[in-house]
Protein backbone atom coordinates (compact mmCIF):
# COMPACT_ATOMS: atom_id res chain seq x y z
CA MET A 1 61.46 -45.52 -145.22
CA TRP A 2 60.24 -46.12 -140.97
CA ASN A 3 62.27 -43.36 -139.31
CA GLU A 4 59.32 -42.81 -136.62
CA PRO A 5 59.77 -44.61 -133.53
CA TYR A 6 57.70 -47.75 -132.33
CA LEU A 7 54.99 -46.78 -130.17
CA GLU A 8 53.56 -50.13 -127.96
CA SER A 9 50.34 -50.90 -128.78
CA CYS A 10 49.37 -49.37 -124.67
CA CYS A 11 50.71 -46.20 -125.91
CA ARG A 12 49.24 -46.38 -129.53
CA SER A 13 45.79 -46.75 -127.03
CA ALA A 14 47.26 -43.93 -125.14
CA LEU A 15 47.10 -41.23 -127.88
CA HIS A 16 43.86 -42.58 -129.16
CA ARG A 17 42.10 -42.18 -125.63
CA LEU A 18 44.46 -38.84 -126.29
CA LYS A 19 43.10 -37.80 -129.80
CA LEU A 20 39.07 -38.65 -127.89
CA SER A 21 39.81 -36.55 -125.64
CA GLY A 22 39.84 -33.29 -127.48
CA GLN A 23 40.26 -29.83 -125.50
CA ALA A 24 39.33 -31.08 -122.39
CA GLY A 25 42.57 -33.15 -122.56
CA ARG A 26 43.53 -36.63 -119.79
CA PRO A 27 44.81 -36.49 -116.59
CA ALA A 28 48.28 -37.63 -114.91
CA GLY A 29 47.31 -39.27 -112.73
CA VAL A 30 45.22 -42.39 -115.32
CA GLY A 31 46.76 -45.95 -115.57
CA ASP A 32 47.86 -44.82 -119.03
CA ALA A 33 50.06 -41.63 -117.55
CA PRO A 34 53.21 -43.41 -117.86
CA CYS A 35 52.51 -43.87 -121.27
CA LEU A 36 51.25 -39.74 -121.70
CA HIS A 37 54.76 -39.25 -120.63
CA ARG A 38 56.21 -41.31 -122.65
CA LEU A 39 54.27 -39.11 -125.94
CA GLU A 40 55.01 -36.22 -124.02
CA GLY A 41 58.51 -37.30 -124.78
CA MET A 42 57.62 -37.72 -128.42
CA GLY A 43 56.67 -34.55 -129.13
CA LEU A 44 53.36 -36.30 -129.59
CA ALA A 45 51.61 -35.14 -125.89
CA SER A 46 51.78 -31.77 -124.27
CA SER A 47 50.84 -31.68 -120.41
CA SER A 48 50.01 -28.42 -119.12
CA GLY A 49 51.30 -27.35 -115.72
CA ASP A 50 48.44 -25.24 -113.62
CA ASP A 51 45.64 -28.70 -114.23
CA GLN A 52 48.18 -31.54 -114.58
CA ARG A 53 46.24 -32.86 -117.72
CA TYR A 54 47.58 -33.93 -121.14
CA THR A 55 46.56 -32.86 -125.18
CA ILE A 56 47.40 -33.76 -128.25
CA THR A 57 49.78 -31.37 -129.75
CA THR A 58 49.97 -31.14 -133.71
CA GLN A 59 52.34 -34.01 -134.63
CA GLY A 60 50.57 -35.77 -131.99
CA HIS A 61 47.67 -35.60 -134.61
CA ALA A 62 49.73 -36.90 -137.47
CA ARG A 63 50.87 -39.48 -135.81
CA HIS A 64 47.77 -40.49 -134.39
CA ARG A 65 45.88 -40.69 -138.80
CA THR A 66 48.67 -42.49 -139.67
CA GLU A 67 49.45 -44.95 -137.16
CA ILE A 68 45.59 -45.46 -135.59
CA LEU A 69 43.76 -44.05 -139.09
CA LYS A 70 45.87 -45.79 -141.66
CA GLN A 71 45.28 -42.74 -143.31
CA PRO A 72 48.29 -41.49 -146.29
CA THR A 73 50.07 -39.03 -144.81
């Protein structure tokens, strides 16, 4: 049964870019900042207060694996 909130295509793209950015993360001032903020609200990303960069969370890695890579859980 599907029980995860729907990700718009722009947010799926932002999640993928976040995964590709690795430890460095994504800056808050980029064009996909609204999606990054939305992903943070869903627990898929986290932002550091000091340098205003978003990084992917463990939950974000799992969602990327199932939603972007289409791998089984």
